[in-house]
Amino acid sequence: MSLNSLLIFGFVIVLSGCTSQIVGNLGTSVSNPVNIEIDVDARKSFADIPVSRSDSIDMSRSLLFNSGESWLGQAVIKSSQSAEVAFDYYVNEMPTYGWVLVTSVQSKVSVLNYEKGNRFASVQIDEADITVTVSYRDMAEN
């Protein structure tokens, strides 16, 4: 075996030892903080809608275009609240984010419709989820 081959072999052994240590650490100790950071980032991305502290955004079922105050798409929120409490929460909290109530229907599946500038928001509330869909009010103009 040449000296170059021996050095390369030694280098590969050292790197593989480092890799297993890194993977082991990532697999055990970092999983929970990553989930918390994703939820915090999700709340910032959907910045102009209320999300109760006890609720979380299901990013695997949500769709986001832009972010912050100009986002479009759909936020699916896993709620720990009853549908009645969630309805009252959104009726009271959406205006604090600048949304103006246009129509509302409270039933087994409740719907609240809001407008804000050139955007329209529809909040659908059932026992399982809260779905907030935001789009331009008139897509032909945009």
N, C-alpha and C. Protein backbone atom coordinates (compact mmCIF):
# COMPACT_ATOMS: atom_id res chain seq x y z
N MET A 1 0.85 -1.16 0.00
CA MET A 1 0.00 0.00 0.00
C MET A 1 0.90 1.23 0.00
N SER A 2 0.59 2.19 -0.87
CA SER A 2 1.41 3.38 -0.96
C SER A 2 1.08 4.33 0.19
N LEU A 3 1.94 5.32 0.39
CA LEU A 3 1.73 6.28 1.45
C LEU A 3 0.47 7.10 1.22
N ASN A 4 0.19 7.48 -0.05
CA ASN A 4 -1.03 8.23 -0.38
C ASN A 4 -2.27 7.41 -0.07
N SER A 5 -2.26 6.14 -0.43
CA SER A 5 -3.41 5.28 -0.16
C SER A 5 -3.64 5.14 1.33
N LEU A 6 -2.55 5.01 2.09
CA LEU A 6 -2.65 4.87 3.53
C LEU A 6 -3.22 6.15 4.16
N LEU A 7 -2.78 7.32 3.69
CA LEU A 7 -3.30 8.59 4.20
C LEU A 7 -4.79 8.76 3.89
N ILE A 8 -5.17 8.41 2.66
CA ILE A 8 -6.58 8.51 2.27
C ILE A 8 -7.43 7.56 3.11
N PHE A 9 -6.94 6.33 3.31
CA PHE A 9 -7.66 5.35 4.12
C PHE A 9 -7.84 5.88 5.55
N GLY A 10 -6.79 6.42 6.13
CA GLY A 10 -6.86 6.98 7.48
C GLY A 10 -7.82 8.15 7.56
N PHE A 11 -7.80 9.00 6.56
CA PHE A 11 -8.69 10.16 6.50
C PHE A 11 -10.15 9.71 6.45
N VAL A 12 -10.44 8.69 5.64
CA VAL A 12 -11.80 8.15 5.53
C VAL A 12 -12.26 7.57 6.86
N ILE A 13 -11.38 6.87 7.56
CA ILE A 13 -11.73 6.29 8.85
C ILE A 13 -12.08 7.39 9.86
N VAL A 14 -11.26 8.44 9.89
CA VAL A 14 -11.51 9.55 10.81
C VAL A 14 -12.84 10.22 10.50
N LEU A 15 -13.11 10.48 9.20
CA LEU A 15 -14.36 11.12 8.81
C LEU A 15 -15.57 10.27 9.14
N SER A 16 -15.49 8.96 8.93
CA SER A 16 -16.63 8.10 9.21
C SER A 16 -16.93 8.07 10.70
N GLY A 17 -15.92 8.15 11.53
CA GLY A 17 -16.14 8.22 12.98
C GLY A 17 -16.85 9.50 13.36
N CYS A 18 -16.48 10.61 12.74
CA CYS A 18 -17.13 11.89 13.01
C CYS A 18 -18.57 11.87 12.53
N THR A 19 -18.82 11.27 11.39
CA THR A 19 -20.16 11.23 10.82
C THR A 19 -21.11 10.47 11.72
N SER A 20 -20.70 9.32 12.26
CA SER A 20 -21.61 8.56 13.12
C SER A 20 -21.90 9.32 14.40
N GLN A 21 -20.94 10.08 14.91
CA GLN A 21 -21.18 10.89 16.10
C GLN A 21 -22.19 12.00 15.81
N ILE A 22 -22.06 12.67 14.67
CA ILE A 22 -22.97 13.75 14.29
C ILE A 22 -24.38 13.21 14.09
N VAL A 23 -24.51 12.12 13.35
CA VAL A 23 -25.83 11.53 13.10
C VAL A 23 -26.47 11.09 14.39
N GLY A 24 -25.70 10.47 15.29
CA GLY A 24 -26.24 10.03 16.56
C GLY A 24 -26.77 11.20 17.37
N ASN A 25 -26.04 12.30 17.39
CA ASN A 25 -26.49 13.47 18.14
C ASN A 25 -27.73 14.09 17.52
N LEU A 26 -27.77 14.18 16.19
CA LEU A 26 -28.94 14.76 15.54
C LEU A 26 -30.18 13.93 15.75
N GLY A 27 -30.02 12.61 15.74
CA GLY A 27 -31.17 11.74 15.86
C GLY A 27 -31.81 11.74 17.23
N THR A 28 -31.06 12.14 18.28
CA THR A 28 -31.63 12.03 19.61
C THR A 28 -31.95 13.36 20.28
N SER A 29 -31.07 14.32 20.17
CA SER A 29 -31.24 15.49 21.02
C SER A 29 -31.82 16.71 20.33
N VAL A 30 -31.91 16.73 19.02
CA VAL A 30 -32.32 17.95 18.33
C VAL A 30 -33.76 17.89 17.84
N SER A 31 -34.44 16.76 17.92
CA SER A 31 -35.76 16.63 17.30
C SER A 31 -36.80 17.58 17.88
N ASN A 32 -36.90 17.73 19.18
CA ASN A 32 -37.91 18.61 19.75
C ASN A 32 -37.67 20.09 19.48
N PRO A 33 -36.44 20.62 19.66
CA PRO A 33 -36.25 22.04 19.35
C PRO A 33 -36.56 22.39 17.91
N VAL A 34 -36.30 21.49 16.97
CA VAL A 34 -36.59 21.78 15.57
C VAL A 34 -38.09 21.97 15.38
N ASN A 35 -38.91 21.12 15.98
CA ASN A 35 -40.36 21.25 15.86
C ASN A 35 -40.86 22.56 16.45
N ILE A 36 -40.29 22.98 17.56
CA ILE A 36 -40.69 24.24 18.17
C ILE A 36 -40.34 25.40 17.26
N GLU A 37 -39.13 25.37 16.67
CA GLU A 37 -38.71 26.44 15.77
C GLU A 37 -39.60 26.50 14.53
N ILE A 38 -40.00 25.35 14.00
CA ILE A 38 -40.87 25.33 12.82
C ILE A 38 -42.20 25.99 13.16
N ASP A 39 -42.77 25.70 14.34
CA ASP A 39 -44.05 26.30 14.71
C ASP A 39 -43.92 27.81 14.87
N VAL A 40 -42.81 28.28 15.47
CA VAL A 40 -42.59 29.71 15.62
C VAL A 40 -42.47 30.36 14.25
N ASP A 41 -41.70 29.75 13.34
CA ASP A 41 -41.56 30.28 11.99
C ASP A 41 -42.90 30.27 11.26
N ALA A 42 -43.70 29.26 11.46
CA ALA A 42 -45.02 29.18 10.81
C ALA A 42 -45.90 30.33 11.27
N ARG A 43 -45.89 30.62 12.54
CA ARG A 43 -46.69 31.73 13.05
C ARG A 43 -46.24 33.06 12.46
N LYS A 44 -44.92 33.22 12.25
CA LYS A 44 -44.42 34.45 11.63
C LYS A 44 -44.81 34.52 10.16
N SER A 45 -44.84 33.38 9.49
CA SER A 45 -45.19 33.35 8.07
C SER A 45 -46.64 33.73 7.84
N PHE A 46 -47.52 33.29 8.73
CA PHE A 46 -48.94 33.62 8.64
C PHE A 46 -49.21 34.75 9.65
N ALA A 47 -48.49 35.85 9.50
CA ALA A 47 -48.41 36.88 10.54
C ALA A 47 -49.70 37.65 10.81
N ASP A 48 -50.58 37.78 9.83
CA ASP A 48 -51.75 38.65 10.09
C ASP A 48 -53.04 37.89 10.31
N ILE A 49 -52.91 36.68 10.86
CA ILE A 49 -54.09 35.95 11.35
C ILE A 49 -53.80 35.50 12.78
N PRO A 50 -54.80 35.46 13.62
CA PRO A 50 -54.57 35.00 14.99
C PRO A 50 -54.47 33.48 15.05
N VAL A 51 -53.55 33.00 15.87
CA VAL A 51 -53.45 31.58 16.18
C VAL A 51 -53.30 31.49 17.69
N SER A 52 -54.26 30.86 18.33
CA SER A 52 -54.24 30.74 19.78
C SER A 52 -52.95 30.05 20.23
N ARG A 53 -52.46 30.44 21.40
CA ARG A 53 -51.21 29.84 21.93
C ARG A 53 -51.33 28.32 22.08
N SER A 54 -52.53 27.84 22.34
CA SER A 54 -52.71 26.40 22.54
C SER A 54 -52.86 25.63 21.22
N ASP A 55 -52.93 26.37 20.10
CA ASP A 55 -53.11 25.74 18.78
C ASP A 55 -51.80 25.73 18.02
N SER A 56 -51.74 24.93 16.95
CA SER A 56 -50.54 24.89 16.11
C SER A 56 -50.93 24.80 14.64
N ILE A 57 -50.05 25.31 13.78
CA ILE A 57 -50.29 25.26 12.34
C ILE A 57 -49.74 23.95 11.80
N ASP A 58 -50.57 23.22 11.09
CA ASP A 58 -50.16 21.96 10.46
C ASP A 58 -49.53 22.28 9.11
N MET A 59 -48.22 22.43 9.08
CA MET A 59 -47.52 22.84 7.86
C MET A 59 -47.60 21.79 6.76
N SER A 60 -47.80 20.54 7.11
CA SER A 60 -47.89 19.50 6.09
C SER A 60 -49.19 19.61 5.29
N ARG A 61 -50.20 20.29 5.85
CA ARG A 61 -51.48 20.46 5.16
C ARG A 61 -51.75 21.90 4.76
N SER A 62 -50.79 22.79 5.01
CA SER A 62 -50.95 24.21 4.71
C SER A 62 -50.21 24.57 3.43
N LEU A 63 -50.61 25.69 2.85
CA LEU A 63 -50.01 26.18 1.61
C LEU A 63 -49.73 27.66 1.78
N LEU A 64 -48.51 28.08 1.50
CA LEU A 64 -48.11 29.45 1.76
C LEU A 64 -47.43 30.06 0.55
N PHE A 65 -47.95 31.20 0.09
CA PHE A 65 -47.31 32.03 -0.92
C PHE A 65 -47.00 33.35 -0.24
N ASN A 66 -45.80 33.86 -0.40
CA ASN A 66 -45.32 35.04 0.33
C ASN A 66 -45.30 34.70 1.81
N SER A 67 -45.17 35.69 2.64
CA SER A 67 -45.25 35.48 4.08
C SER A 67 -45.48 36.81 4.77
N GLY A 68 -45.64 36.74 6.07
CA GLY A 68 -45.87 37.96 6.83
C GLY A 68 -47.23 38.56 6.56
N GLU A 69 -47.27 39.87 6.37
CA GLU A 69 -48.52 40.61 6.19
C GLU A 69 -49.13 40.45 4.80
N SER A 70 -48.41 39.85 3.86
CA SER A 70 -48.94 39.75 2.48
C SER A 70 -49.07 38.30 2.01
N TRP A 71 -49.20 37.37 2.93
CA TRP A 71 -49.28 35.96 2.54
C TRP A 71 -50.62 35.65 1.87
N LEU A 72 -50.57 34.65 1.01
CA LEU A 72 -51.74 34.07 0.37
C LEU A 72 -51.64 32.57 0.54
N GLY A 73 -52.75 31.88 0.55
CA GLY A 73 -52.72 30.43 0.65
C GLY A 73 -53.70 29.92 1.68
N GLN A 74 -53.29 28.85 2.36
CA GLN A 74 -54.19 28.21 3.31
C GLN A 74 -53.41 27.75 4.53
N ALA A 75 -53.88 28.12 5.70
CA ALA A 75 -53.30 27.67 6.97
C ALA A 75 -54.28 26.70 7.61
N VAL A 76 -53.81 25.50 7.88
CA VAL A 76 -54.63 24.51 8.58
C VAL A 76 -54.14 24.48 10.03
N ILE A 77 -55.03 24.79 10.93
CA ILE A 77 -54.67 24.95 12.33
C ILE A 77 -55.29 23.82 13.14
N LYS A 78 -54.44 23.11 13.88
CA LYS A 78 -54.91 22.08 14.80
C LYS A 78 -55.30 22.79 16.09
N SER A 79 -56.56 22.68 16.45
CA SER A 79 -57.06 23.45 17.59
C SER A 79 -57.43 22.54 18.75
N SER A 80 -57.15 23.02 19.94
CA SER A 80 -57.58 22.32 21.14
C SER A 80 -58.89 22.90 21.67
N GLN A 81 -59.38 23.95 21.01
CA GLN A 81 -60.62 24.61 21.42
C GLN A 81 -61.84 23.92 20.80
N SER A 82 -62.99 24.07 21.45
CA SER A 82 -64.23 23.59 20.84
C SER A 82 -64.55 24.50 19.66
N ALA A 83 -65.40 24.04 18.77
CA ALA A 83 -65.77 24.85 17.60
C ALA A 83 -66.44 26.15 18.03
N GLU A 84 -67.24 26.12 19.08
CA GLU A 84 -67.92 27.32 19.56
C GLU A 84 -66.92 28.35 20.10
N VAL A 85 -65.97 27.89 20.89
CA VAL A 85 -64.96 28.79 21.46
C VAL A 85 -64.07 29.34 20.35
N ALA A 86 -63.71 28.49 19.38
CA ALA A 86 -62.88 28.93 18.25
C ALA A 86 -63.61 29.98 17.42
N PHE A 87 -64.90 29.80 17.21
CA PHE A 87 -65.70 30.78 16.47
C PHE A 87 -65.64 32.14 17.17
N ASP A 88 -65.89 32.17 18.46
CA ASP A 88 -65.83 33.42 19.22
C ASP A 88 -64.43 34.02 19.19
N TYR A 89 -63.41 33.18 19.28
CA TYR A 89 -62.03 33.64 19.24
C TYR A 89 -61.74 34.38 17.94
N TYR A 90 -62.13 33.79 16.80
CA TYR A 90 -61.85 34.43 15.51
C TYR A 90 -62.72 35.66 15.28
N VAL A 91 -63.97 35.65 15.74
CA VAL A 91 -64.82 36.83 15.64
C VAL A 91 -64.17 38.00 16.38
N ASN A 92 -63.60 37.74 17.54
CA ASN A 92 -62.99 38.80 18.35
C ASN A 92 -61.57 39.16 17.92
N GLU A 93 -60.78 38.20 17.46
CA GLU A 93 -59.36 38.44 17.19
C GLU A 93 -59.03 38.89 15.78
N MET A 94 -59.78 38.46 14.78
CA MET A 94 -59.46 38.87 13.40
C MET A 94 -59.46 40.39 13.23
N PRO A 95 -60.42 41.12 13.80
CA PRO A 95 -60.38 42.59 13.66
C PRO A 95 -59.11 43.22 14.26
N THR A 96 -58.53 42.61 15.28
CA THR A 96 -57.30 43.17 15.86
C THR A 96 -56.12 43.04 14.91
N TYR A 97 -56.26 42.21 13.88
CA TYR A 97 -55.23 42.05 12.84
C TYR A 97 -55.59 42.84 11.58
N GLY A 98 -56.63 43.68 11.68
CA GLY A 98 -57.01 44.53 10.56
C GLY A 98 -58.06 43.96 9.63
N TRP A 99 -58.60 42.79 9.91
CA TRP A 99 -59.61 42.16 9.06
C TRP A 99 -61.00 42.68 9.42
N VAL A 100 -61.82 42.90 8.40
CA VAL A 100 -63.19 43.39 8.58
C VAL A 100 -64.15 42.25 8.23
N LEU A 101 -65.04 41.93 9.17
CA LEU A 101 -66.01 40.85 8.96
C LEU A 101 -66.99 41.22 7.86
N VAL A 102 -67.17 40.31 6.89
CA VAL A 102 -68.12 40.51 5.79
C VAL A 102 -69.37 39.67 6.03
N THR A 103 -69.19 38.38 6.27
CA THR A 103 -70.31 37.48 6.54
C THR A 103 -69.88 36.43 7.55
N SER A 104 -70.86 35.84 8.23
CA SER A 104 -70.56 34.74 9.16
C SER A 104 -71.75 33.80 9.25
N VAL A 105 -71.45 32.54 9.41
CA VAL A 105 -72.46 31.50 9.64
C VAL A 105 -71.91 30.59 10.72
N GLN A 106 -72.65 30.43 11.81
CA GLN A 106 -72.23 29.54 12.87
C GLN A 106 -73.12 28.31 12.84
N SER A 107 -72.51 27.16 12.59
CA SER A 107 -73.23 25.89 12.52
C SER A 107 -72.23 24.77 12.82
N LYS A 108 -72.56 23.55 12.40
CA LYS A 108 -71.64 22.43 12.63
C LYS A 108 -70.28 22.72 11.99
N VAL A 109 -70.30 23.27 10.78
CA VAL A 109 -69.09 23.78 10.13
C VAL A 109 -69.32 25.29 9.96
N SER A 110 -68.66 26.08 10.79
CA SER A 110 -68.86 27.53 10.77
C SER A 110 -67.92 28.18 9.76
N VAL A 111 -68.38 29.30 9.18
CA VAL A 111 -67.58 30.03 8.20
C VAL A 111 -67.65 31.51 8.53
N LEU A 112 -66.48 32.14 8.57
CA LEU A 112 -66.35 33.58 8.75
C LEU A 112 -65.61 34.12 7.54
N ASN A 113 -66.13 35.16 6.92
CA ASN A 113 -65.47 35.76 5.75
C ASN A 113 -65.07 37.19 6.08
N TYR A 114 -63.82 37.52 5.76
CA TYR A 114 -63.25 38.83 6.07
C TYR A 114 -62.60 39.42 4.84
N GLU A 115 -62.39 40.73 4.90
CA GLU A 115 -61.59 41.39 3.88
C GLU A 115 -60.61 42.33 4.56
N LYS A 116 -59.49 42.54 3.88
CA LYS A 116 -58.45 43.43 4.37
C LYS A 116 -57.69 43.94 3.14
N GLY A 117 -57.85 45.19 2.82
CA GLY A 117 -57.21 45.73 1.62
C GLY A 117 -57.72 44.99 0.40
N ASN A 118 -56.79 44.44 -0.39
CA ASN A 118 -57.18 43.70 -1.59
C ASN A 118 -57.22 42.19 -1.37
N ARG A 119 -57.23 41.77 -0.10
CA ARG A 119 -57.27 40.33 0.20
C ARG A 119 -58.58 39.94 0.88
N PHE A 120 -58.93 38.68 0.72
CA PHE A 120 -60.14 38.10 1.27
C PHE A 120 -59.73 36.88 2.10
N ALA A 121 -60.29 36.73 3.28
CA ALA A 121 -59.99 35.57 4.13
C ALA A 121 -61.27 34.84 4.48
N SER A 122 -61.22 33.54 4.37
CA SER A 122 -62.34 32.69 4.77
C SER A 122 -61.84 31.77 5.88
N VAL A 123 -62.50 31.82 7.03
CA VAL A 123 -62.14 30.99 8.18
C VAL A 123 -63.20 29.92 8.32
N GLN A 124 -62.81 28.65 8.15
CA GLN A 124 -63.75 27.54 8.28
C GLN A 124 -63.39 26.79 9.56
N ILE A 125 -64.38 26.62 10.42
CA ILE A 125 -64.16 26.01 11.73
C ILE A 125 -65.05 24.79 11.88
N ASP A 126 -64.43 23.65 12.17
CA ASP A 126 -65.20 22.46 12.54
C ASP A 126 -64.58 21.86 13.79
N GLU A 127 -65.06 20.73 14.23
CA GLU A 127 -64.55 20.13 15.47
C GLU A 127 -63.10 19.67 15.35
N ALA A 128 -62.62 19.39 14.15
CA ALA A 128 -61.27 18.87 13.99
C ALA A 128 -60.23 19.95 13.74
N ASP A 129 -60.54 20.92 12.88
CA ASP A 129 -59.55 21.89 12.43
C ASP A 129 -60.17 23.27 12.23
N ILE A 130 -59.27 24.23 12.10
CA ILE A 130 -59.61 25.57 11.66
C ILE A 130 -58.81 25.78 10.38
N THR A 131 -59.48 26.12 9.29
CA THR A 131 -58.79 26.35 8.02
C THR A 131 -59.00 27.80 7.62
N VAL A 132 -57.90 28.52 7.46
CA VAL A 132 -57.95 29.92 7.05
C VAL A 132 -57.38 30.01 5.64
N THR A 133 -58.21 30.42 4.69
CA THR A 133 -57.80 30.56 3.30
C THR A 133 -57.78 32.04 2.96
N VAL A 134 -56.64 32.51 2.44
CA VAL A 134 -56.50 33.92 2.09
C VAL A 134 -56.13 34.01 0.61
N SER A 135 -56.87 34.85 -0.11
CA SER A 135 -56.60 35.07 -1.54
C SER A 135 -56.84 36.53 -1.86
N TYR A 136 -56.47 36.92 -3.07
CA TYR A 136 -56.83 38.26 -3.51
C TYR A 136 -58.33 38.31 -3.67
N ARG A 137 -58.91 39.44 -3.37
CA ARG A 137 -60.37 39.59 -3.46
C ARG A 137 -60.86 39.38 -4.88
N ASP A 138 -60.16 39.94 -5.86
CA ASP A 138 -60.51 39.75 -7.26
C ASP A 138 -59.25 39.35 -8.00
N MET A 139 -59.09 38.06 -8.26
CA MET A 139 -57.86 37.55 -8.87
C MET A 139 -57.61 38.16 -10.26
N ALA A 140 -58.66 38.58 -10.95
CA ALA A 140 -58.49 39.16 -12.29
C ALA A 140 -57.76 40.48 -12.24
N GLU A 141 -57.87 41.20 -11.12
CA GLU A 141 -57.19 42.50 -10.99
C GLU A 141 -55.72 42.34 -10.67
N ASN A 142 -55.30 41.17 -10.16
CA ASN A 142 -53.92 41.00 -9.72
C ASN A 142 -53.15 40.17 -10.65
